[in-house]
Amino acid sequence: MRILLTSVICLLIAGNTYSWGTPNNLDPDKKKLVLIENTDITLSLVDEYQKDVFLFADYNLSEKTLNIKTKNVIHYIQLFNADNQLEFQLYVGSDHVRINKSLIESGDYRLAFLINNEEHLQFISLNVNA
């Protein structure tokens, strides 16, 4: 009985580990959260709720600019690198923002938005390609 219980626990842990590590292209639920995916960047929401917060996102390939529009005024945006270190903070004061790719080196980032009428920071994932 003890061996059976241990085996079940190991299978559950292995299954959860696999599901956490499944790439977006294999997980249809995560694919629904991708806002932009092209040769320069991939921008993704963290959860379904954010579809009501972020109204529009676009990336202009010729100008290399990321454009984001939100439901309410963005007070500021923080950019965190893969090591969770703050790269920069940008005051916005508007419901839309334009970020040039030249400000961000290639890598994985999280953008944190402090948005009017939102209780918590709203994080979105950003991958910048070289």
C-alpha atoms as a PDB file:
ATOM      1  CA  MET A   1       0.000   0.000   0.000  1.00  0.00           C
ATOM      2  CA  ARG A   2       2.849   2.358   0.870  1.00  0.00           C
ATOM      3  CA  ILE A   3       4.555   1.679  -2.475  1.00  0.00           C
ATOM      4  CA  LEU A   4       1.302   2.340  -4.342  1.00  0.00           C
ATOM      5  CA  LEU A   5       0.783   5.636  -2.522  1.00  0.00           C
ATOM      6  CA  THR A   6       4.384   6.694  -3.221  1.00  0.00           C
ATOM      7  CA  SER A   7       3.969   5.812  -6.907  1.00  0.00           C
ATOM      8  CA  VAL A   8       0.773   7.854  -7.183  1.00  0.00           C
ATOM      9  CA  ILE A   9       2.435  10.870  -5.550  1.00  0.00           C
ATOM     10  CA  CYS A  10       5.434  10.594  -7.906  1.00  0.00           C
ATOM     11  CA  LEU A  11       3.131  10.424 -10.931  1.00  0.00           C
ATOM     12  CA  LEU A  12       1.209  13.496  -9.765  1.00  0.00           C
ATOM     13  CA  ILE A  13       4.420  15.457  -9.247  1.00  0.00           C
ATOM     14  CA  ALA A  14       5.786  14.389 -12.631  1.00  0.00           C
ATOM     15  CA  GLY A  15       2.495  15.304 -14.339  1.00  0.00           C
ATOM     16  CA  ASN A  16       2.430  18.748 -12.730  1.00  0.00           C
ATOM     17  CA  THR A  17       6.062  19.363 -13.609  1.00  0.00           C
ATOM     18  CA  TYR A  18       5.382  18.437 -17.234  1.00  0.00           C
ATOM     19  CA  SER A  19       2.318  20.684 -17.444  1.00  0.00           C
ATOM     20  CA  TRP A  20       4.239  23.648 -16.020  1.00  0.00           C
ATOM     21  CA  GLY A  21       6.993  23.147 -18.573  1.00  0.00           C
ATOM     22  CA  THR A  22       4.788  22.689 -21.624  1.00  0.00           C
ATOM     23  CA  PRO A  23       5.611  25.330 -24.251  1.00  0.00           C
ATOM     24  CA  ASN A  24       2.886  27.689 -25.523  1.00  0.00           C
ATOM     25  CA  ASN A  25       2.746  26.024 -28.926  1.00  0.00           C
ATOM     26  CA  LEU A  26       1.646  22.746 -27.292  1.00  0.00           C
ATOM     27  CA  ASP A  27      -0.757  24.229 -24.732  1.00  0.00           C
ATOM     28  CA  PRO A  28      -3.905  25.591 -26.380  1.00  0.00           C
ATOM     29  CA  ASP A  29      -4.960  27.511 -23.249  1.00  0.00           C
ATOM     30  CA  LYS A  30      -1.684  29.452 -23.154  1.00  0.00           C
ATOM     31  CA  LYS A  31      -1.870  30.058 -26.903  1.00  0.00           C
ATOM     32  CA  LYS A  32      -5.139  31.963 -26.297  1.00  0.00           C
ATOM     33  CA  LEU A  33      -3.226  34.423 -24.115  1.00  0.00           C
ATOM     34  CA  VAL A  34      -0.660  35.357 -26.773  1.00  0.00           C
ATOM     35  CA  LEU A  35      -1.282  38.926 -27.951  1.00  0.00           C
ATOM     36  CA  ILE A  36       1.600  39.277 -30.413  1.00  0.00           C
ATOM     37  CA  GLU A  37       3.918  36.695 -31.916  1.00  0.00           C
ATOM     38  CA  ASN A  38       6.338  37.580 -34.702  1.00  0.00           C
ATOM     39  CA  THR A  39      10.054  37.437 -35.517  1.00  0.00           C
ATOM     40  CA  ASP A  40      10.896  40.316 -33.130  1.00  0.00           C
ATOM     41  CA  ILE A  41       8.740  39.731 -30.054  1.00  0.00           C
ATOM     42  CA  THR A  42       6.181  37.551 -28.305  1.00  0.00           C
ATOM     43  CA  LEU A  43       3.792  39.280 -25.894  1.00  0.00           C
ATOM     44  CA  SER A  44       1.465  37.199 -23.689  1.00  0.00           C
ATOM     45  CA  LEU A  45      -1.084  37.801 -20.965  1.00  0.00           C
ATOM     46  CA  VAL A  46      -0.806  35.889 -17.695  1.00  0.00           C
ATOM     47  CA  ASP A  47      -4.508  35.009 -17.333  1.00  0.00           C
ATOM     48  CA  GLU A  48      -7.914  35.333 -18.998  1.00  0.00           C
ATOM     49  CA  TYR A  49      -8.990  38.227 -16.738  1.00  0.00           C
ATOM     50  CA  GLN A  50      -6.438  40.466 -18.413  1.00  0.00           C
ATOM     51  CA  LYS A  51      -8.323  40.315 -21.719  1.00  0.00           C
ATOM     52  CA  ASP A  52     -10.641  42.936 -20.158  1.00  0.00           C
ATOM     53  CA  VAL A  53      -7.703  45.078 -18.979  1.00  0.00           C
ATOM     54  CA  PHE A  54      -5.542  45.121 -22.134  1.00  0.00           C
ATOM     55  CA  LEU A  55      -7.756  46.193 -25.026  1.00  0.00           C
ATOM     56  CA  PHE A  56      -5.218  46.301 -27.838  1.00  0.00           C
ATOM     57  CA  ALA A  57      -1.628  45.341 -28.542  1.00  0.00           C
ATOM     58  CA  ASP A  58       0.263  45.782 -31.766  1.00  0.00           C
ATOM     59  CA  TYR A  59       3.858  45.592 -32.918  1.00  0.00           C
ATOM     60  CA  ASN A  60       4.997  47.696 -35.858  1.00  0.00           C
ATOM     61  CA  LEU A  61       7.761  45.692 -37.579  1.00  0.00           C
ATOM     62  CA  SER A  62       9.058  48.617 -39.642  1.00  0.00           C
ATOM     63  CA  GLU A  63       9.244  51.068 -36.721  1.00  0.00           C
ATOM     64  CA  LYS A  64      10.098  48.331 -34.170  1.00  0.00           C
ATOM     65  CA  THR A  65       7.553  49.716 -31.689  1.00  0.00           C
ATOM     66  CA  LEU A  66       5.225  47.938 -29.296  1.00  0.00           C
ATOM     67  CA  ASN A  67       1.855  49.661 -28.849  1.00  0.00           C
ATOM     68  CA  ILE A  68      -0.427  48.762 -25.939  1.00  0.00           C
ATOM     69  CA  LYS A  69      -3.843  50.218 -25.050  1.00  0.00           C
ATOM     70  CA  THR A  70      -5.572  49.515 -21.744  1.00  0.00           C
ATOM     71  CA  LYS A  71      -9.090  49.998 -20.422  1.00  0.00           C
ATOM     72  CA  ASN A  72      -7.929  52.570 -17.841  1.00  0.00           C
ATOM     73  CA  VAL A  73      -5.027  54.960 -17.366  1.00  0.00           C
ATOM     74  CA  ILE A  74      -1.591  53.361 -16.938  1.00  0.00           C
ATOM     75  CA  HIS A  75       0.292  55.116 -14.129  1.00  0.00           C
ATOM     76  CA  TYR A  76       3.606  53.423 -14.848  1.00  0.00           C
ATOM     77  CA  ILE A  77       5.218  50.354 -16.377  1.00  0.00           C
ATOM     78  CA  GLN A  78       8.094  48.399 -14.864  1.00  0.00           C
ATOM     79  CA  LEU A  79      10.281  46.056 -16.902  1.00  0.00           C
ATOM     80  CA  PHE A  80      11.742  43.063 -15.030  1.00  0.00           C
ATOM     81  CA  ASN A  81      14.378  40.799 -16.586  1.00  0.00           C
ATOM     82  CA  ALA A  82      14.523  36.988 -16.291  1.00  0.00           C
ATOM     83  CA  ASP A  83      16.356  37.345 -12.948  1.00  0.00           C
ATOM     84  CA  ASN A  84      13.449  39.458 -11.653  1.00  0.00           C
ATOM     85  CA  GLN A  85      15.617  42.579 -11.543  1.00  0.00           C
ATOM     86  CA  LEU A  86      14.051  45.918 -12.413  1.00  0.00           C
ATOM     87  CA  GLU A  87      15.477  47.111 -15.749  1.00  0.00           C
ATOM     88  CA  PHE A  88      13.529  50.360 -15.956  1.00  0.00           C
ATOM     89  CA  GLN A  89      10.363  52.113 -14.884  1.00  0.00           C
ATOM     90  CA  LEU A  90       8.410  54.353 -17.226  1.00  0.00           C
ATOM     91  CA  TYR A  91       5.774  56.873 -16.138  1.00  0.00           C
ATOM     92  CA  VAL A  92       2.885  56.831 -18.611  1.00  0.00           C
ATOM     93  CA  GLY A  93      -0.206  58.773 -17.414  1.00  0.00           C
ATOM     94  CA  SER A  94      -2.332  57.592 -20.362  1.00  0.00           C
ATOM     95  CA  ASP A  95      -4.370  54.578 -21.455  1.00  0.00           C
ATOM     96  CA  HIS A  96      -1.902  53.778 -24.227  1.00  0.00           C
ATOM     97  CA  VAL A  97       1.852  53.439 -24.451  1.00  0.00           C
ATOM     98  CA  ARG A  98       4.423  52.986 -27.211  1.00  0.00           C
ATOM     99  CA  ILE A  99       7.735  51.259 -26.413  1.00  0.00           C
ATOM    100  CA  ASN A 100      10.575  51.115 -28.917  1.00  0.00           C
ATOM    101  CA  LYS A 101      12.413  47.779 -29.176  1.00  0.00           C
ATOM    102  CA  SER A 102      15.756  49.610 -28.972  1.00  0.00           C
ATOM    103  CA  LEU A 103      15.095  50.170 -25.235  1.00  0.00           C
ATOM    104  CA  ILE A 104      15.084  46.420 -24.553  1.00  0.00           C
ATOM    105  CA  GLU A 105      17.830  43.866 -25.215  1.00  0.00           C
ATOM    106  CA  SER A 106      16.938  40.355 -26.359  1.00  0.00           C
ATOM    107  CA  GLY A 107      15.670  38.054 -23.618  1.00  0.00           C
ATOM    108  CA  ASP A 108      12.666  37.170 -21.477  1.00  0.00           C
ATOM    109  CA  TYR A 109      10.932  39.890 -19.480  1.00  0.00           C
ATOM    110  CA  ARG A 110       7.861  40.674 -17.441  1.00  0.00           C
ATOM    111  CA  LEU A 111       6.117  44.007 -17.858  1.00  0.00           C
ATOM    112  CA  ALA A 112       4.281  45.189 -14.731  1.00  0.00           C
ATOM    113  CA  PHE A 113       1.513  47.737 -15.253  1.00  0.00           C
ATOM    114  CA  LEU A 114       0.083  49.877 -12.459  1.00  0.00           C
ATOM    115  CA  ILE A 115      -3.335  50.670 -13.915  1.00  0.00           C
ATOM    116  CA  ASN A 116      -6.068  52.887 -12.526  1.00  0.00           C
ATOM    117  CA  ASN A 117      -8.945  50.874 -10.922  1.00  0.00           C
ATOM    118  CA  GLU A 118      -6.897  47.656 -10.813  1.00  0.00           C
ATOM    119  CA  GLU A 119      -6.214  46.290  -7.337  1.00  0.00           C
ATOM    120  CA  HIS A 120      -2.931  44.593  -8.286  1.00  0.00           C
ATOM    121  CA  LEU A 121      -0.107  45.113 -10.739  1.00  0.00           C
ATOM    122  CA  GLN A 122      -0.935  43.518 -14.077  1.00  0.00           C
ATOM    123  CA  PHE A 123       1.950  41.444 -15.441  1.00  0.00           C
ATOM    124  CA  ILE A 124       2.420  40.417 -19.052  1.00  0.00           C
ATOM    125  CA  SER A 125       5.241  38.335 -20.510  1.00  0.00           C
ATOM    126  CA  LEU A 126       7.548  39.702 -23.168  1.00  0.00           C
ATOM    127  CA  ASN A 127      10.153  37.777 -25.146  1.00  0.00           C
ATOM    128  CA  VAL A 128      12.434  39.922 -27.303  1.00  0.00           C
ATOM    129  CA  ASN A 129      14.420  38.270 -30.088  1.00  0.00           C
ATOM    130  CA  ALA A 130      17.727  39.608 -31.405  1.00  0.00           C
END
